[in-house]
Amino acid sequence: MSAPKLPPGLRHPGPRGTPRVTVTRKEFRAVGPQIDLLSCPVEDVFYGGARGGMKTYGLVLDFVAHANRYGQAARGIIFRRTYDELEEIERICHEILGGVWSWSASRRTWTSPKGATLKLRYLDRDEDADHYQGHQYTRLYIDEAGAFPNPR
């Protein structure tokens, strides 16, 4: 079986064809469903799975691959429902990006050496979405979408 075709920003490290994402001096190997996410040619992806399946890692790695390709033109945002829930994403980002990308705690924003930005934000209430009216992002992620209330 041949390895999946990968978008720019990712590379195959060897015969198994497991995608890897390079974060300047650090390299992270995709595992499990992350491989499917990182090699998916579709832009709008619903990426789910069991608790502890490393989905949030996959989202961050997907953005890093995007930033590797587009540099300062890459603008990403990851939403969770509450402010407190962002702490887990921050921890994961520090593990992946720390020491390479710069972190602004007051702005909850990561900046790559090439100028790409990844914001961590919350949408606790419908009105919170108004803060992002008119913003332009090249990647938008909703982490833990099941935690948001049913719109009915």
C-alpha atoms as a PDB file:
ATOM      1  CA  MET A   1       0.000   0.000   0.000  1.00  0.00           C
ATOM      2  CA  SER A   2       1.387   3.406  -0.901  1.00  0.00           C
ATOM      3  CA  ALA A   3       1.642   6.272   1.563  1.00  0.00           C
ATOM      4  CA  PRO A   4      -1.047   8.969   1.446  1.00  0.00           C
ATOM      5  CA  LYS A   5      -0.306  12.048  -0.646  1.00  0.00           C
ATOM      6  CA  LEU A   6       0.596  14.891   1.688  1.00  0.00           C
ATOM      7  CA  PRO A   7       0.063  18.594   1.267  1.00  0.00           C
ATOM      8  CA  PRO A   8       3.067  20.925   1.316  1.00  0.00           C
ATOM      9  CA  GLY A   9       4.418  21.520   4.818  1.00  0.00           C
ATOM     10  CA  LEU A  10       4.477  17.801   5.645  1.00  0.00           C
ATOM     11  CA  ARG A  11       6.969  15.154   4.715  1.00  0.00           C
ATOM     12  CA  HIS A  12       7.300  11.370   4.747  1.00  0.00           C
ATOM     13  CA  PRO A  13      10.205  10.301   6.959  1.00  0.00           C
ATOM     14  CA  GLY A  14      10.777   6.834   5.606  1.00  0.00           C
ATOM     15  CA  PRO A  15       9.357   3.575   4.302  1.00  0.00           C
ATOM     16  CA  ARG A  16       6.248   3.601   6.493  1.00  0.00           C
ATOM     17  CA  GLY A  17       5.224   6.972   5.089  1.00  0.00           C
ATOM     18  CA  THR A  18       4.089   8.393   8.434  1.00  0.00           C
ATOM     19  CA  PRO A  19       3.710  12.164   8.089  1.00  0.00           C
ATOM     20  CA  ARG A  20       5.956  14.353  10.200  1.00  0.00           C
ATOM     21  CA  VAL A  21       5.616  18.035  10.884  1.00  0.00           C
ATOM     22  CA  THR A  22       8.747  20.064  11.484  1.00  0.00           C
ATOM     23  CA  VAL A  23       8.641  22.920  13.990  1.00  0.00           C
ATOM     24  CA  THR A  24      12.173  24.295  13.473  1.00  0.00           C
ATOM     25  CA  ARG A  25      14.589  22.085  15.451  1.00  0.00           C
ATOM     26  CA  LYS A  26      11.663  19.922  16.623  1.00  0.00           C
ATOM     27  CA  GLU A  27       9.907  17.209  14.703  1.00  0.00           C
ATOM     28  CA  PHE A  28       6.590  15.607  15.593  1.00  0.00           C
ATOM     29  CA  ARG A  29       5.420  12.343  14.125  1.00  0.00           C
ATOM     30  CA  ALA A  30       1.717  12.056  13.388  1.00  0.00           C
ATOM     31  CA  VAL A  31       0.002   9.047  14.952  1.00  0.00           C
ATOM     32  CA  GLY A  32      -3.338   7.309  14.461  1.00  0.00           C
ATOM     33  CA  PRO A  33      -6.122   9.542  13.113  1.00  0.00           C
ATOM     34  CA  GLN A  34      -3.713  12.499  12.929  1.00  0.00           C
ATOM     35  CA  ILE A  35      -2.282  10.860   9.805  1.00  0.00           C
ATOM     36  CA  ASP A  36      -5.714  11.008   8.162  1.00  0.00           C
ATOM     37  CA  LEU A  37      -6.234  14.624   9.210  1.00  0.00           C
ATOM     38  CA  LEU A  38      -2.822  15.809   8.019  1.00  0.00           C
ATOM     39  CA  SER A  39      -3.108  14.036   4.673  1.00  0.00           C
ATOM     40  CA  CYS A  40      -6.759  14.954   3.991  1.00  0.00           C
ATOM     41  CA  PRO A  41      -7.132  17.069   0.836  1.00  0.00           C
ATOM     42  CA  VAL A  42     -10.523  18.441   1.972  1.00  0.00           C
ATOM     43  CA  GLU A  43     -10.516  21.854   3.668  1.00  0.00           C
ATOM     44  CA  ASP A  44     -13.593  21.431   5.908  1.00  0.00           C
ATOM     45  CA  VAL A  45     -13.001  18.413   8.130  1.00  0.00           C
ATOM     46  CA  PHE A  46     -15.017  17.069  11.063  1.00  0.00           C
ATOM     47  CA  TYR A  47     -12.307  15.321  13.053  1.00  0.00           C
ATOM     48  CA  GLY A  48     -13.659  13.307  15.957  1.00  0.00           C
ATOM     49  CA  GLY A  49     -12.834  10.318  18.064  1.00  0.00           C
ATOM     50  CA  ALA A  50     -12.476   8.923  21.534  1.00  0.00           C
ATOM     51  CA  ARG A  51     -11.315  10.963  24.504  1.00  0.00           C
ATOM     52  CA  GLY A  52      -7.537  11.017  24.708  1.00  0.00           C
ATOM     53  CA  GLY A  53      -7.141  10.366  20.974  1.00  0.00           C
ATOM     54  CA  MET A  54      -4.749  13.314  20.566  1.00  0.00           C
ATOM     55  CA  LYS A  55      -7.140  15.283  18.363  1.00  0.00           C
ATOM     56  CA  THR A  56      -5.983  18.641  19.732  1.00  0.00           C
ATOM     57  CA  TYR A  57      -2.389  17.708  18.897  1.00  0.00           C
ATOM     58  CA  GLY A  58      -3.611  16.997  15.374  1.00  0.00           C
ATOM     59  CA  LEU A  59      -5.192  20.449  15.083  1.00  0.00           C
ATOM     60  CA  VAL A  60      -2.017  22.184  16.218  1.00  0.00           C
ATOM     61  CA  LEU A  61       0.153  20.061  13.909  1.00  0.00           C
ATOM     62  CA  ASP A  62      -2.210  20.797  11.016  1.00  0.00           C
ATOM     63  CA  PHE A  63      -1.758  24.513  11.595  1.00  0.00           C
ATOM     64  CA  VAL A  64       2.031  24.171  11.862  1.00  0.00           C
ATOM     65  CA  ALA A  65       2.082  22.397   8.491  1.00  0.00           C
ATOM     66  CA  HIS A  66      -0.082  25.225   7.092  1.00  0.00           C
ATOM     67  CA  ALA A  67       2.278  27.836   8.613  1.00  0.00           C
ATOM     68  CA  ASN A  68       5.296  26.009   7.156  1.00  0.00           C
ATOM     69  CA  ARG A  69       3.722  26.369   3.726  1.00  0.00           C
ATOM     70  CA  TYR A  70       2.335  29.922   3.890  1.00  0.00           C
ATOM     71  CA  GLY A  71       4.609  31.718   6.377  1.00  0.00           C
ATOM     72  CA  GLN A  72       3.334  35.100   7.558  1.00  0.00           C
ATOM     73  CA  ALA A  73       0.177  34.736   5.456  1.00  0.00           C
ATOM     74  CA  ALA A  74      -0.973  31.886   7.748  1.00  0.00           C
ATOM     75  CA  ARG A  75      -3.493  33.136  10.330  1.00  0.00           C
ATOM     76  CA  GLY A  76      -5.146  30.527  12.515  1.00  0.00           C
ATOM     77  CA  ILE A  77      -7.558  30.471  15.419  1.00  0.00           C
ATOM     78  CA  ILE A  78      -8.617  27.621  17.709  1.00  0.00           C
ATOM     79  CA  PHE A  79     -11.855  27.981  19.639  1.00  0.00           C
ATOM     80  CA  ARG A  80     -13.003  26.167  22.742  1.00  0.00           C
ATOM     81  CA  ARG A  81     -16.187  26.854  24.621  1.00  0.00           C
ATOM     82  CA  THR A  82     -14.796  28.439  27.787  1.00  0.00           C
ATOM     83  CA  TYR A  83     -11.741  30.413  28.771  1.00  0.00           C
ATOM     84  CA  ASP A  84     -10.705  27.714  31.286  1.00  0.00           C
ATOM     85  CA  GLU A  85     -10.788  25.035  28.576  1.00  0.00           C
ATOM     86  CA  LEU A  86      -8.067  26.912  26.683  1.00  0.00           C
ATOM     87  CA  GLU A  87      -5.509  25.821  29.314  1.00  0.00           C
ATOM     88  CA  GLU A  88      -5.265  22.342  27.786  1.00  0.00           C
ATOM     89  CA  ILE A  89      -4.641  23.776  24.326  1.00  0.00           C
ATOM     90  CA  GLU A  90      -2.017  26.120  25.788  1.00  0.00           C
ATOM     91  CA  ARG A  91      -0.231  23.164  27.385  1.00  0.00           C
ATOM     92  CA  ILE A  92      -0.217  21.240  24.099  1.00  0.00           C
ATOM     93  CA  CYS A  93       0.986  24.300  22.172  1.00  0.00           C
ATOM     94  CA  HIS A  94       3.798  24.841  24.675  1.00  0.00           C
ATOM     95  CA  GLU A  95       4.845  21.220  24.172  1.00  0.00           C
ATOM     96  CA  ILE A  96       4.835  21.507  20.376  1.00  0.00           C
ATOM     97  CA  LEU A  97       5.729  25.153  19.745  1.00  0.00           C
ATOM     98  CA  GLY A  98       7.579  26.208  22.886  1.00  0.00           C
ATOM     99  CA  GLY A  99      11.136  27.403  22.396  1.00  0.00           C
ATOM    100  CA  VAL A 100      10.561  27.883  18.679  1.00  0.00           C
ATOM    101  CA  TRP A 101       7.429  30.012  18.292  1.00  0.00           C
ATOM    102  CA  SER A 102       6.889  33.006  20.579  1.00  0.00           C
ATOM    103  CA  TRP A 103       3.971  33.090  23.025  1.00  0.00           C
ATOM    104  CA  SER A 104       2.062  36.192  24.096  1.00  0.00           C
ATOM    105  CA  ALA A 105       0.082  35.178  27.180  1.00  0.00           C
ATOM    106  CA  SER A 106      -1.797  38.478  27.320  1.00  0.00           C
ATOM    107  CA  ARG A 107      -2.976  38.064  23.723  1.00  0.00           C
ATOM    108  CA  ARG A 108      -3.175  34.237  23.889  1.00  0.00           C
ATOM    109  CA  THR A 109      -1.382  34.173  20.550  1.00  0.00           C
ATOM    110  CA  TRP A 110       1.520  32.134  19.156  1.00  0.00           C
ATOM    111  CA  THR A 111       3.762  33.623  16.448  1.00  0.00           C
ATOM    112  CA  SER A 112       6.069  31.531  14.271  1.00  0.00           C
ATOM    113  CA  PRO A 113       9.582  32.645  13.311  1.00  0.00           C
ATOM    114  CA  LYS A 114       8.161  33.330   9.820  1.00  0.00           C
ATOM    115  CA  GLY A 115       5.295  35.480  11.168  1.00  0.00           C
ATOM    116  CA  ALA A 116       2.362  33.041  11.118  1.00  0.00           C
ATOM    117  CA  THR A 117      -0.063  33.528  14.021  1.00  0.00           C
ATOM    118  CA  LEU A 118      -2.248  31.090  15.933  1.00  0.00           C
ATOM    119  CA  LYS A 119      -4.798  32.543  18.351  1.00  0.00           C
ATOM    120  CA  LEU A 120      -6.465  30.616  21.178  1.00  0.00           C
ATOM    121  CA  ARG A 121      -9.974  31.920  21.908  1.00  0.00           C
ATOM    122  CA  TYR A 122     -13.253  30.947  23.542  1.00  0.00           C
ATOM    123  CA  LEU A 123     -16.917  31.187  22.539  1.00  0.00           C
ATOM    124  CA  ASP A 124     -18.871  30.753  25.756  1.00  0.00           C
ATOM    125  CA  ARG A 125     -21.941  32.604  24.486  1.00  0.00           C
ATOM    126  CA  ASP A 126     -23.283  33.302  21.010  1.00  0.00           C
ATOM    127  CA  GLU A 127     -22.413  36.980  21.518  1.00  0.00           C
ATOM    128  CA  ASP A 128     -18.724  36.098  21.886  1.00  0.00           C
ATOM    129  CA  ALA A 129     -18.650  35.368  18.148  1.00  0.00           C
ATOM    130  CA  ASP A 130     -19.294  39.077  17.524  1.00  0.00           C
ATOM    131  CA  HIS A 131     -15.690  39.779  18.591  1.00  0.00           C
ATOM    132  CA  TYR A 132     -14.492  38.048  15.421  1.00  0.00           C
ATOM    133  CA  GLN A 133     -16.813  39.730  12.920  1.00  0.00           C
ATOM    134  CA  GLY A 134     -14.753  40.814   9.918  1.00  0.00           C
ATOM    135  CA  HIS A 135     -11.593  38.938  10.952  1.00  0.00           C
ATOM    136  CA  GLN A 136      -9.819  36.910   8.303  1.00  0.00           C
ATOM    137  CA  TYR A 137      -8.274  33.523   9.072  1.00  0.00           C
ATOM    138  CA  THR A 138      -6.703  30.960   6.793  1.00  0.00           C
ATOM    139  CA  ARG A 139      -7.434  28.156   9.287  1.00  0.00           C
ATOM    140  CA  LEU A 140     -10.226  28.008  11.876  1.00  0.00           C
ATOM    141  CA  TYR A 141     -10.618  25.143  14.351  1.00  0.00           C
ATOM    142  CA  ILE A 142     -13.399  24.316  16.814  1.00  0.00           C
ATOM    143  CA  ASP A 143     -11.885  22.024  19.444  1.00  0.00           C
ATOM    144  CA  GLU A 144     -14.275  19.868  21.480  1.00  0.00           C
ATOM    145  CA  ALA A 145     -17.283  20.917  19.382  1.00  0.00           C
ATOM    146  CA  GLY A 146     -19.467  18.536  21.410  1.00  0.00           C
ATOM    147  CA  ALA A 147     -19.079  20.833  24.442  1.00  0.00           C
ATOM    148  CA  PHE A 148     -21.030  23.589  22.699  1.00  0.00           C
ATOM    149  CA  PRO A 149     -24.775  23.699  23.373  1.00  0.00           C
ATOM    150  CA  ASN A 150     -27.238  22.435  20.799  1.00  0.00           C
ATOM    151  CA  PRO A 151     -28.494  25.469  18.836  1.00  0.00           C
ATOM    152  CA  ARG A 152     -32.145  24.356  19.051  1.00  0.00           C
END
